Amino acid sequence: METDELVEESAPRVGDVERAIEAILMVADEPQSLVHLATAVGHPVPAVRQSIERLVADYDGESGGVRRGFELREVGGGWRIYVRPEHDAVVRDFVLTQNPTKLSQAALETLAVIAYKQPISRGAIASIRAVNVDSVVRTLLGRGLITEAFTDNETGAIHYETTPLLLSQLGINSIEELPPISPLLDDGSAGFDEQR
């Protein structure tokens, strides 16, 4: 009987697995594949797939529950939590007007890289800046200054581009109106502006 109790205690319940998946998805910057989630929570892929289906149904308010302001969507071969489209306007208003802090130097540098090299992946941005840019990209996405352009089918990497909001903040009509950057750089750095 003690052995049975130990097995029950060591085996996570279905709800615990779902809460673990939910927690991972809340902090993940990129869509998470079923295999990656299964590895993270230590459960087989079919069980994780069933947990994802239950989370989707839960967030959608099926079975008499409350429909949440966010949804779980499969995008680019993985799963990610998104704001429901009907709440985009209020979230955008909150981010842009209720939280009007200035951008850090790191955010401005990352935004410049994206503006001049778009569409560009997070890995390519990090390579140019030689630092981890995960939190900065999250900030720029949250502010509505950049958006996900597309997901590379081969690598799964999300590519980013600037938004019309950035253009209006800069007072320009198109990204082509950005000043050429090559004259501002040392001779060894001129390659940054190859496409402009």
N, C-alpha and C. Protein backbone atom coordinates (compact mmCIF):
# COMPACT_ATOMS: atom_id res chain seq x y z
N MET A 1 0.82 -1.19 0.00
CA MET A 1 0.00 0.00 0.00
C MET A 1 0.87 1.25 0.00
N GLU A 2 1.98 1.24 0.77
CA GLU A 2 2.89 2.38 0.78
C GLU A 2 3.51 2.60 -0.59
N THR A 3 3.80 1.51 -1.30
CA THR A 3 4.37 1.61 -2.64
C THR A 3 3.40 2.31 -3.58
N ASP A 4 2.10 1.95 -3.51
CA ASP A 4 1.09 2.60 -4.35
C ASP A 4 1.01 4.09 -4.06
N GLU A 5 1.09 4.45 -2.78
CA GLU A 5 1.03 5.86 -2.41
C GLU A 5 2.22 6.62 -2.97
N LEU A 6 3.42 6.00 -2.94
CA LEU A 6 4.61 6.64 -3.48
C LEU A 6 4.49 6.86 -4.98
N VAL A 7 3.93 5.87 -5.69
CA VAL A 7 3.75 6.00 -7.13
C VAL A 7 2.79 7.15 -7.43
N GLU A 8 1.69 7.22 -6.66
CA GLU A 8 0.72 8.28 -6.88
C GLU A 8 1.34 9.66 -6.62
N GLU A 9 2.17 9.77 -5.58
CA GLU A 9 2.79 11.05 -5.25
C GLU A 9 3.81 11.47 -6.29
N SER A 10 4.55 10.51 -6.87
CA SER A 10 5.60 10.86 -7.81
C SER A 10 5.06 11.12 -9.21
N ALA A 11 3.90 10.58 -9.56
CA ALA A 11 3.33 10.80 -10.89
C ALA A 11 2.47 12.06 -10.87
N PRO A 12 2.86 13.09 -11.65
CA PRO A 12 2.07 14.32 -11.67
C PRO A 12 0.67 14.07 -12.21
N ARG A 13 -0.30 14.75 -11.63
CA ARG A 13 -1.68 14.64 -12.11
C ARG A 13 -1.81 15.40 -13.43
N VAL A 14 -2.86 15.06 -14.19
CA VAL A 14 -3.09 15.70 -15.49
C VAL A 14 -3.16 17.21 -15.33
N GLY A 15 -3.88 17.69 -14.34
CA GLY A 15 -4.00 19.13 -14.11
C GLY A 15 -2.66 19.78 -13.84
N ASP A 16 -1.78 19.07 -13.12
CA ASP A 16 -0.45 19.61 -12.85
C ASP A 16 0.37 19.74 -14.13
N VAL A 17 0.25 18.78 -15.04
CA VAL A 17 0.95 18.84 -16.31
C VAL A 17 0.44 20.03 -17.12
N GLU A 18 -0.88 20.21 -17.12
CA GLU A 18 -1.45 21.35 -17.85
C GLU A 18 -0.99 22.68 -17.25
N ARG A 19 -0.93 22.76 -15.95
CA ARG A 19 -0.46 24.01 -15.31
C ARG A 19 1.02 24.25 -15.63
N ALA A 20 1.80 23.16 -15.71
CA ALA A 20 3.22 23.30 -16.05
C ALA A 20 3.38 23.78 -17.49
N ILE A 21 2.59 23.22 -18.40
CA ILE A 21 2.63 23.66 -19.81
C ILE A 21 2.21 25.12 -19.89
N GLU A 22 1.16 25.46 -19.18
CA GLU A 22 0.65 26.83 -19.17
C GLU A 22 1.73 27.80 -18.68
N ALA A 23 2.43 27.42 -17.62
CA ALA A 23 3.49 28.28 -17.07
C ALA A 23 4.62 28.48 -18.08
N ILE A 24 4.99 27.41 -18.77
CA ILE A 24 6.05 27.52 -19.79
C ILE A 24 5.61 28.45 -20.91
N LEU A 25 4.37 28.28 -21.36
CA LEU A 25 3.87 29.10 -22.47
C LEU A 25 3.74 30.58 -22.09
N MET A 26 3.53 30.86 -20.81
CA MET A 26 3.42 32.25 -20.37
C MET A 26 4.75 33.00 -20.48
N VAL A 27 5.86 32.30 -20.37
CA VAL A 27 7.17 32.97 -20.42
C VAL A 27 7.92 32.76 -21.73
N ALA A 28 7.41 31.87 -22.58
CA ALA A 28 8.11 31.56 -23.83
C ALA A 28 7.96 32.70 -24.83
N ASP A 29 9.05 33.06 -25.48
CA ASP A 29 9.04 34.10 -26.50
C ASP A 29 8.69 33.56 -27.87
N GLU A 30 8.90 32.30 -28.08
CA GLU A 30 8.70 31.67 -29.38
C GLU A 30 7.66 30.57 -29.23
N PRO A 31 6.95 30.20 -30.30
CA PRO A 31 6.03 29.05 -30.22
C PRO A 31 6.79 27.79 -29.80
N GLN A 32 6.17 26.99 -28.97
CA GLN A 32 6.81 25.79 -28.43
C GLN A 32 6.21 24.54 -29.07
N SER A 33 7.05 23.70 -29.62
CA SER A 33 6.57 22.47 -30.26
C SER A 33 6.11 21.48 -29.20
N LEU A 34 5.29 20.52 -29.62
CA LEU A 34 4.83 19.47 -28.70
C LEU A 34 6.01 18.69 -28.14
N VAL A 35 6.99 18.41 -28.97
CA VAL A 35 8.16 17.65 -28.52
C VAL A 35 8.92 18.44 -27.45
N HIS A 36 9.11 19.73 -27.68
CA HIS A 36 9.82 20.56 -26.71
C HIS A 36 9.05 20.64 -25.39
N LEU A 37 7.74 20.81 -25.47
CA LEU A 37 6.92 20.86 -24.26
C LEU A 37 6.94 19.51 -23.53
N ALA A 38 6.87 18.41 -24.30
CA ALA A 38 6.90 17.08 -23.69
C ALA A 38 8.21 16.85 -22.95
N THR A 39 9.30 17.29 -23.55
CA THR A 39 10.60 17.16 -22.90
C THR A 39 10.65 17.99 -21.62
N ALA A 40 10.11 19.20 -21.69
CA ALA A 40 10.15 20.11 -20.55
C ALA A 40 9.34 19.59 -19.36
N VAL A 41 8.18 18.98 -19.63
CA VAL A 41 7.33 18.51 -18.53
C VAL A 41 7.51 17.03 -18.23
N GLY A 42 8.34 16.34 -19.03
CA GLY A 42 8.63 14.93 -18.76
C GLY A 42 7.46 14.00 -19.02
N HIS A 43 6.67 14.29 -20.06
CA HIS A 43 5.53 13.44 -20.41
C HIS A 43 5.58 13.13 -21.90
N PRO A 44 4.95 12.04 -22.33
CA PRO A 44 4.96 11.69 -23.76
C PRO A 44 4.18 12.72 -24.59
N VAL A 45 4.56 12.81 -25.85
CA VAL A 45 3.94 13.78 -26.76
C VAL A 45 2.42 13.62 -26.83
N PRO A 46 1.87 12.39 -26.95
CA PRO A 46 0.41 12.27 -27.01
C PRO A 46 -0.28 12.85 -25.77
N ALA A 47 0.30 12.67 -24.60
CA ALA A 47 -0.29 13.22 -23.37
C ALA A 47 -0.23 14.74 -23.38
N VAL A 48 0.87 15.29 -23.89
CA VAL A 48 1.01 16.75 -23.98
C VAL A 48 0.02 17.30 -25.00
N ARG A 49 -0.17 16.57 -26.11
CA ARG A 49 -1.15 17.00 -27.12
C ARG A 49 -2.54 17.07 -26.50
N GLN A 50 -2.91 16.07 -25.70
CA GLN A 50 -4.21 16.07 -25.04
C GLN A 50 -4.32 17.23 -24.04
N SER A 51 -3.24 17.50 -23.33
CA SER A 51 -3.24 18.62 -22.39
C SER A 51 -3.42 19.94 -23.12
N ILE A 52 -2.75 20.10 -24.25
CA ILE A 52 -2.90 21.32 -25.06
C ILE A 52 -4.35 21.46 -25.52
N GLU A 53 -4.95 20.37 -25.98
CA GLU A 53 -6.35 20.41 -26.42
C GLU A 53 -7.27 20.83 -25.28
N ARG A 54 -7.00 20.32 -24.07
CA ARG A 54 -7.81 20.71 -22.91
C ARG A 54 -7.61 22.18 -22.57
N LEU A 55 -6.37 22.68 -22.67
CA LEU A 55 -6.12 24.09 -22.40
C LEU A 55 -6.82 24.99 -23.42
N VAL A 56 -6.77 24.61 -24.71
CA VAL A 56 -7.46 25.37 -25.75
C VAL A 56 -8.95 25.45 -25.43
N ALA A 57 -9.54 24.29 -25.11
CA ALA A 57 -10.98 24.25 -24.79
C ALA A 57 -11.28 25.08 -23.55
N ASP A 58 -10.42 25.01 -22.54
CA ASP A 58 -10.60 25.79 -21.32
C ASP A 58 -10.57 27.28 -21.61
N TYR A 59 -9.57 27.74 -22.36
CA TYR A 59 -9.45 29.16 -22.69
C TYR A 59 -10.61 29.64 -23.56
N ASP A 60 -11.14 28.75 -24.41
CA ASP A 60 -12.24 29.10 -25.29
C ASP A 60 -13.59 29.10 -24.57
N GLY A 61 -13.61 28.65 -23.32
CA GLY A 61 -14.85 28.65 -22.55
C GLY A 61 -15.78 27.50 -22.85
N GLU A 62 -15.25 26.46 -23.46
CA GLU A 62 -16.08 25.28 -23.73
C GLU A 62 -16.42 24.60 -22.41
N SER A 63 -17.43 23.79 -22.42
CA SER A 63 -17.90 23.06 -21.24
C SER A 63 -18.39 24.01 -20.15
N GLY A 64 -18.96 25.12 -20.55
CA GLY A 64 -19.56 26.03 -19.58
C GLY A 64 -18.60 26.96 -18.86
N GLY A 65 -17.33 26.94 -19.22
CA GLY A 65 -16.36 27.83 -18.58
C GLY A 65 -16.42 29.24 -19.15
N VAL A 66 -15.58 30.09 -18.64
CA VAL A 66 -15.52 31.48 -19.09
C VAL A 66 -14.50 31.60 -20.22
N ARG A 67 -14.89 32.27 -21.31
CA ARG A 67 -13.96 32.51 -22.42
C ARG A 67 -12.94 33.55 -21.95
N ARG A 68 -11.67 33.20 -22.05
CA ARG A 68 -10.59 34.06 -21.58
C ARG A 68 -10.27 35.16 -22.58
N GLY A 69 -9.56 36.18 -22.14
CA GLY A 69 -9.12 37.27 -23.00
C GLY A 69 -7.91 36.90 -23.84
N PHE A 70 -7.41 35.70 -23.65
CA PHE A 70 -6.28 35.20 -24.43
C PHE A 70 -6.63 33.83 -24.96
N GLU A 71 -5.85 33.38 -25.94
CA GLU A 71 -6.08 32.08 -26.53
C GLU A 71 -4.77 31.37 -26.76
N LEU A 72 -4.84 30.07 -26.91
CA LEU A 72 -3.67 29.25 -27.21
C LEU A 72 -3.77 28.86 -28.67
N ARG A 73 -2.78 29.30 -29.45
CA ARG A 73 -2.81 29.09 -30.90
C ARG A 73 -1.59 28.32 -31.36
N GLU A 74 -1.79 27.48 -32.38
CA GLU A 74 -0.66 26.79 -33.01
C GLU A 74 -0.17 27.67 -34.15
N VAL A 75 1.09 28.06 -34.06
CA VAL A 75 1.69 28.96 -35.05
C VAL A 75 3.10 28.49 -35.34
N GLY A 76 3.45 28.38 -36.60
CA GLY A 76 4.82 28.04 -36.96
C GLY A 76 5.32 26.74 -36.37
N GLY A 77 4.46 25.73 -36.28
CA GLY A 77 4.88 24.43 -35.78
C GLY A 77 4.96 24.35 -34.27
N GLY A 78 4.42 25.35 -33.57
CA GLY A 78 4.45 25.32 -32.11
C GLY A 78 3.23 26.02 -31.53
N TRP A 79 3.16 26.05 -30.22
CA TRP A 79 2.02 26.63 -29.51
C TRP A 79 2.46 27.87 -28.75
N ARG A 80 1.56 28.87 -28.75
CA ARG A 80 1.88 30.12 -28.08
C ARG A 80 0.58 30.79 -27.61
N ILE A 81 0.66 31.54 -26.51
CA ILE A 81 -0.49 32.27 -25.99
C ILE A 81 -0.53 33.65 -26.64
N TYR A 82 -1.73 34.02 -27.12
CA TYR A 82 -1.94 35.31 -27.78
C TYR A 82 -3.16 36.01 -27.18
N VAL A 83 -3.17 37.33 -27.25
CA VAL A 83 -4.36 38.11 -26.90
C VAL A 83 -5.40 37.83 -27.97
N ARG A 84 -6.65 37.68 -27.57
CA ARG A 84 -7.71 37.47 -28.56
C ARG A 84 -7.86 38.73 -29.40
N PRO A 85 -8.11 38.57 -30.71
CA PRO A 85 -8.19 39.73 -31.61
C PRO A 85 -9.17 40.81 -31.14
N GLU A 86 -10.27 40.41 -30.50
CA GLU A 86 -11.24 41.41 -30.07
C GLU A 86 -10.73 42.31 -28.95
N HIS A 87 -9.59 41.93 -28.35
CA HIS A 87 -9.02 42.75 -27.28
C HIS A 87 -7.76 43.50 -27.71
N ASP A 88 -7.40 43.38 -29.00
CA ASP A 88 -6.19 44.05 -29.51
C ASP A 88 -6.20 45.55 -29.23
N ALA A 89 -7.31 46.21 -29.48
CA ALA A 89 -7.37 47.67 -29.34
C ALA A 89 -7.13 48.11 -27.91
N VAL A 90 -7.76 47.45 -26.95
CA VAL A 90 -7.60 47.85 -25.55
C VAL A 90 -6.18 47.55 -25.06
N VAL A 91 -5.61 46.44 -25.49
CA VAL A 91 -4.24 46.11 -25.10
C VAL A 91 -3.26 47.09 -25.73
N ARG A 92 -3.45 47.40 -27.00
CA ARG A 92 -2.59 48.38 -27.67
C ARG A 92 -2.67 49.74 -26.97
N ASP A 93 -3.90 50.16 -26.60
CA ASP A 93 -4.08 51.43 -25.90
C ASP A 93 -3.36 51.41 -24.56
N PHE A 94 -3.48 50.31 -23.83
CA PHE A 94 -2.81 50.20 -22.54
C PHE A 94 -1.30 50.30 -22.70
N VAL A 95 -0.77 49.54 -23.64
CA VAL A 95 0.68 49.50 -23.83
C VAL A 95 1.21 50.86 -24.27
N LEU A 96 0.49 51.53 -25.16
CA LEU A 96 0.99 52.77 -25.73
C LEU A 96 0.70 54.01 -24.88
N THR A 97 -0.42 54.03 -24.19
CA THR A 97 -0.77 55.25 -23.45
C THR A 97 -0.67 55.12 -21.94
N GLN A 98 -0.92 53.94 -21.42
CA GLN A 98 -0.90 53.77 -19.97
C GLN A 98 0.48 53.42 -19.43
N ASN A 99 1.37 53.08 -20.31
CA ASN A 99 2.70 52.66 -19.89
C ASN A 99 3.75 53.37 -20.75
N PRO A 100 3.76 54.72 -20.70
CA PRO A 100 4.57 55.48 -21.65
C PRO A 100 6.03 55.69 -21.24
N THR A 101 6.70 54.64 -20.80
CA THR A 101 8.10 54.80 -20.43
C THR A 101 8.96 54.89 -21.68
N LYS A 102 10.10 55.54 -21.53
CA LYS A 102 11.01 55.69 -22.67
C LYS A 102 11.71 54.38 -22.97
N LEU A 103 12.14 54.24 -24.21
CA LEU A 103 12.90 53.05 -24.58
C LEU A 103 14.33 53.17 -24.08
N SER A 104 14.87 52.04 -23.67
CA SER A 104 16.27 52.00 -23.22
C SER A 104 17.19 52.11 -24.44
N GLN A 105 18.47 52.34 -24.17
CA GLN A 105 19.47 52.39 -25.24
C GLN A 105 19.50 51.06 -25.99
N ALA A 106 19.41 49.96 -25.24
CA ALA A 106 19.41 48.63 -25.87
C ALA A 106 18.20 48.45 -26.78
N ALA A 107 17.04 48.94 -26.35
CA ALA A 107 15.84 48.83 -27.18
C ALA A 107 15.96 49.68 -28.44
N LEU A 108 16.52 50.88 -28.31
CA LEU A 108 16.71 51.75 -29.47
C LEU A 108 17.68 51.12 -30.47
N GLU A 109 18.76 50.53 -29.97
CA GLU A 109 19.73 49.89 -30.86
C GLU A 109 19.11 48.69 -31.57
N THR A 110 18.34 47.89 -30.84
CA THR A 110 17.68 46.72 -31.43
C THR A 110 16.64 47.17 -32.46
N LEU A 111 15.90 48.22 -32.15
CA LEU A 111 14.92 48.75 -33.09
C LEU A 111 15.58 49.25 -34.37
N ALA A 112 16.75 49.87 -34.23
CA ALA A 112 17.49 50.33 -35.41
C ALA A 112 17.92 49.15 -36.28
N VAL A 113 18.41 48.09 -35.65
CA VAL A 113 18.82 46.90 -36.41
C VAL A 113 17.62 46.34 -37.18
N ILE A 114 16.48 46.22 -36.51
CA ILE A 114 15.29 45.68 -37.16
C ILE A 114 14.85 46.59 -38.30
N ALA A 115 14.83 47.90 -38.05
CA ALA A 115 14.37 48.85 -39.07
C ALA A 115 15.23 48.78 -40.33
N TYR A 116 16.54 48.66 -40.17
CA TYR A 116 17.43 48.68 -41.33
C TYR A 116 17.62 47.31 -41.98
N LYS A 117 17.38 46.23 -41.25
CA LYS A 117 17.65 44.89 -41.80
C LYS A 117 16.40 44.03 -41.96
N GLN A 118 15.23 44.60 -41.76
CA GLN A 118 13.98 43.81 -41.77
C GLN A 118 13.68 43.17 -43.11
N PRO A 119 12.99 42.02 -43.08
CA PRO A 119 12.66 41.22 -41.92
C PRO A 119 13.90 40.48 -41.41
N ILE A 120 13.99 40.35 -40.10
CA ILE A 120 15.20 39.78 -39.49
C ILE A 120 14.81 38.92 -38.30
N SER A 121 15.54 37.83 -38.10
CA SER A 121 15.26 36.91 -37.00
C SER A 121 15.94 37.40 -35.72
N ARG A 122 15.46 36.91 -34.60
CA ARG A 122 16.03 37.25 -33.30
C ARG A 122 17.51 36.85 -33.23
N GLY A 123 17.83 35.69 -33.81
CA GLY A 123 19.22 35.23 -33.81
C GLY A 123 20.13 36.16 -34.59
N ALA A 124 19.65 36.65 -35.73
CA ALA A 124 20.45 37.58 -36.53
C ALA A 124 20.61 38.92 -35.81
N ILE A 125 19.57 39.36 -35.11
CA ILE A 125 19.67 40.60 -34.32
C ILE A 125 20.73 40.43 -33.24
N ALA A 126 20.66 39.31 -32.54
CA ALA A 126 21.62 39.04 -31.46
C ALA A 126 23.04 38.97 -32.00
N SER A 127 23.19 38.40 -33.19
CA SER A 127 24.51 38.31 -33.81
C SER A 127 25.07 39.70 -34.12
N ILE A 128 24.24 40.58 -34.64
CA ILE A 128 24.68 41.94 -34.96
C ILE A 128 25.01 42.72 -33.69
N ARG A 129 24.15 42.59 -32.67
CA ARG A 129 24.34 43.36 -31.43
C ARG A 129 25.31 42.68 -30.47
N ALA A 130 25.59 41.40 -30.67
CA ALA A 130 26.50 40.61 -29.83
C ALA A 130 26.02 40.53 -28.38
N VAL A 131 24.70 40.54 -28.19
CA VAL A 131 24.10 40.37 -26.86
C VAL A 131 22.78 39.63 -27.03
N ASN A 132 22.25 39.10 -25.93
CA ASN A 132 20.95 38.46 -25.94
C ASN A 132 19.89 39.55 -26.07
N VAL A 133 18.97 39.40 -27.01
CA VAL A 133 17.97 40.44 -27.27
C VAL A 133 16.55 39.99 -26.95
N ASP A 134 16.37 38.86 -26.27
CA ASP A 134 15.04 38.32 -26.01
C ASP A 134 14.12 39.32 -25.31
N SER A 135 14.56 39.89 -24.19
CA SER A 135 13.68 40.79 -23.45
C SER A 135 13.44 42.09 -24.20
N VAL A 136 14.44 42.55 -24.95
CA VAL A 136 14.27 43.79 -25.72
C VAL A 136 13.25 43.57 -26.84
N VAL A 137 13.32 42.44 -27.52
CA VAL A 137 12.36 42.14 -28.58
C VAL A 137 10.95 42.05 -27.98
N ARG A 138 10.82 41.43 -26.81
CA ARG A 138 9.52 41.37 -26.12
C ARG A 138 8.98 42.77 -25.86
N THR A 139 9.86 43.66 -25.39
CA THR A 139 9.45 45.04 -25.10
C THR A 139 8.97 45.73 -26.37
N LEU A 140 9.72 45.59 -27.46
CA LEU A 140 9.35 46.25 -28.71
C LEU A 140 8.04 45.68 -29.28
N LEU A 141 7.84 44.37 -29.13
CA LEU A 141 6.58 43.77 -29.54
C LEU A 141 5.43 44.32 -28.70
N GLY A 142 5.66 44.39 -27.39
CA GLY A 142 4.65 44.89 -26.47
C GLY A 142 4.27 46.33 -26.73
N ARG A 143 5.22 47.11 -27.18
CA ARG A 143 4.96 48.52 -27.49
C ARG A 143 4.33 48.72 -28.86
N GLY A 144 4.25 47.64 -29.65
CA GLY A 144 3.65 47.74 -30.96
C GLY A 144 4.56 48.36 -32.01
N LEU A 145 5.87 48.44 -31.71
CA LEU A 145 6.81 49.05 -32.65
C LEU A 145 7.33 48.06 -33.68
N ILE A 146 7.30 46.77 -33.33
CA ILE A 146 7.66 45.71 -34.28
C ILE A 146 6.57 44.65 -34.24
N THR A 147 6.56 43.81 -35.25
CA THR A 147 5.59 42.72 -35.31
C THR A 147 6.26 41.50 -35.93
N GLU A 148 5.64 40.35 -35.76
CA GLU A 148 6.13 39.13 -36.38
C GLU A 148 5.77 39.16 -37.85
N ALA A 149 6.76 39.13 -38.72
CA ALA A 149 6.53 39.17 -40.17
C ALA A 149 6.16 37.79 -40.69
N PHE A 150 6.96 36.80 -40.34
CA PHE A 150 6.71 35.42 -40.76
C PHE A 150 7.60 34.49 -39.97
N THR A 151 7.30 33.20 -40.06
CA THR A 151 8.10 32.17 -39.41
C THR A 151 8.76 31.34 -40.50
N ASP A 152 10.09 31.20 -40.42
CA ASP A 152 10.84 30.42 -41.39
C ASP A 152 10.43 28.95 -41.27
N ASN A 153 9.97 28.36 -42.37
CA ASN A 153 9.50 26.97 -42.34
C ASN A 153 10.60 25.98 -41.99
N GLU A 154 11.83 26.26 -42.40
CA GLU A 154 12.93 25.32 -42.16
C GLU A 154 13.47 25.41 -40.74
N THR A 155 13.68 26.62 -40.24
CA THR A 155 14.31 26.79 -38.93
C THR A 155 13.32 27.05 -37.81
N GLY A 156 12.11 27.51 -38.16
CA GLY A 156 11.13 27.86 -37.13
C GLY A 156 11.38 29.23 -36.52
N ALA A 157 12.40 29.94 -37.02
CA ALA A 157 12.73 31.26 -36.47
C ALA A 157 11.70 32.29 -36.92
N ILE A 158 11.26 33.10 -35.98
CA ILE A 158 10.33 34.18 -36.30
C ILE A 158 11.14 35.37 -36.79
N HIS A 159 10.69 35.98 -37.87
CA HIS A 159 11.33 37.18 -38.41
C HIS A 159 10.47 38.39 -38.05
N TYR A 160 11.13 39.48 -37.72
CA TYR A 160 10.43 40.67 -37.25
C TYR A 160 10.59 41.81 -38.24
N GLU A 161 9.59 42.70 -38.24
CA GLU A 161 9.64 43.92 -39.03
C GLU A 161 8.98 45.04 -38.23
N THR A 162 9.21 46.26 -38.66
CA THR A 162 8.63 47.41 -37.97
C THR A 162 7.16 47.55 -38.34
N THR A 163 6.43 48.34 -37.55
CA THR A 163 5.00 48.55 -37.76
C THR A 163 4.72 49.97 -38.21
N PRO A 164 3.51 50.23 -38.69
CA PRO A 164 3.12 51.60 -39.04
C PRO A 164 3.22 52.55 -37.83
N LEU A 165 3.05 52.03 -36.63
CA LEU A 165 3.17 52.87 -35.44
C LEU A 165 4.56 53.48 -35.34
N LEU A 166 5.60 52.69 -35.64
CA LEU A 166 6.96 53.23 -35.61
C LEU A 166 7.10 54.36 -36.62
N LEU A 167 6.55 54.15 -37.83
CA LEU A 167 6.63 55.19 -38.85
C LEU A 167 5.97 56.48 -38.35
N SER A 168 4.80 56.36 -37.73
CA SER A 168 4.13 57.57 -37.25
C SER A 168 4.91 58.21 -36.11
N GLN A 169 5.53 57.39 -35.24
CA GLN A 169 6.34 57.94 -34.15
C GLN A 169 7.57 58.68 -34.70
N LEU A 170 8.11 58.19 -35.80
CA LEU A 170 9.28 58.82 -36.41
C LEU A 170 8.88 59.96 -37.35
N GLY A 171 7.60 60.06 -37.69
CA GLY A 171 7.13 61.10 -38.58
C GLY A 171 7.53 60.88 -40.03
N ILE A 172 7.57 59.61 -40.44
CA ILE A 172 7.91 59.28 -41.82
C ILE A 172 6.80 58.41 -42.41
N ASN A 173 6.76 58.35 -43.74
CA ASN A 173 5.72 57.58 -44.42
C ASN A 173 6.12 56.15 -44.74
N SER A 174 7.42 55.90 -44.91
CA SER A 174 7.88 54.55 -45.20
C SER A 174 9.29 54.36 -44.65
N ILE A 175 9.68 53.14 -44.52
CA ILE A 175 10.99 52.80 -43.98
C ILE A 175 12.11 53.28 -44.90
N GLU A 176 11.78 53.46 -46.19
CA GLU A 176 12.78 53.95 -47.14
C GLU A 176 13.22 55.39 -46.82
N GLU A 177 12.43 56.10 -46.03
CA GLU A 177 12.77 57.47 -45.65
C GLU A 177 13.79 57.55 -44.52
N LEU A 178 14.15 56.41 -43.94
CA LEU A 178 15.20 56.42 -42.92
C LEU A 178 16.50 56.93 -43.55
N PRO A 179 17.28 57.67 -42.81
CA PRO A 179 18.53 58.18 -43.40
C PRO A 179 19.51 57.03 -43.65
N PRO A 180 20.35 57.16 -44.69
CA PRO A 180 21.38 56.13 -44.90
C PRO A 180 22.28 56.09 -43.68
N ILE A 181 22.63 54.91 -43.25
CA ILE A 181 23.41 54.79 -42.02
C ILE A 181 24.91 54.65 -42.29
N SER A 182 25.30 54.21 -43.47
CA SER A 182 26.72 53.97 -43.75
C SER A 182 27.62 55.17 -43.46
N PRO A 183 27.25 56.40 -43.83
CA PRO A 183 28.15 57.52 -43.55
C PRO A 183 28.39 57.74 -42.06
N LEU A 184 27.51 57.21 -41.20
CA LEU A 184 27.64 57.41 -39.77
C LEU A 184 28.54 56.38 -39.10
N LEU A 185 28.90 55.33 -39.84
CA LEU A 185 29.68 54.24 -39.27
C LEU A 185 31.15 54.33 -39.68
N ASP A 186 31.99 53.70 -38.86
CA ASP A 186 33.40 53.57 -39.23
C ASP A 186 33.50 52.70 -40.47
N ASP A 187 34.63 52.77 -41.16
CA ASP A 187 34.83 52.01 -42.39
C ASP A 187 34.56 50.52 -42.20
N GLY A 188 34.96 49.94 -41.07
CA GLY A 188 34.80 48.51 -40.84
C GLY A 188 33.36 48.09 -40.61
N SER A 189 32.44 49.03 -40.34
CA SER A 189 31.06 48.69 -40.03
C SER A 189 30.10 48.99 -41.15
N ALA A 190 30.58 49.40 -42.30
CA ALA A 190 29.70 49.84 -43.39
C ALA A 190 28.81 48.72 -43.91
N GLY A 191 29.15 47.46 -43.68
CA GLY A 191 28.36 46.35 -44.17
C GLY A 191 26.97 46.28 -43.57
N PHE A 192 26.74 46.98 -42.46
CA PHE A 192 25.44 46.99 -41.80
C PHE A 192 24.36 47.53 -42.72
N ASP A 193 24.74 48.41 -43.64
CA ASP A 193 23.76 49.09 -44.48
C ASP A 193 23.81 48.62 -45.93
N GLU A 194 24.20 47.38 -46.15
CA GLU A 194 24.37 46.87 -47.50
C GLU A 194 23.11 47.03 -48.36
N GLN A 195 21.93 46.79 -47.75
CA GLN A 195 20.72 46.78 -48.55
C GLN A 195 20.09 48.16 -48.68
N ARG A 196 20.63 49.21 -48.08
CA ARG A 196 20.01 50.54 -48.16
C ARG A 196 20.78 51.44 -49.07
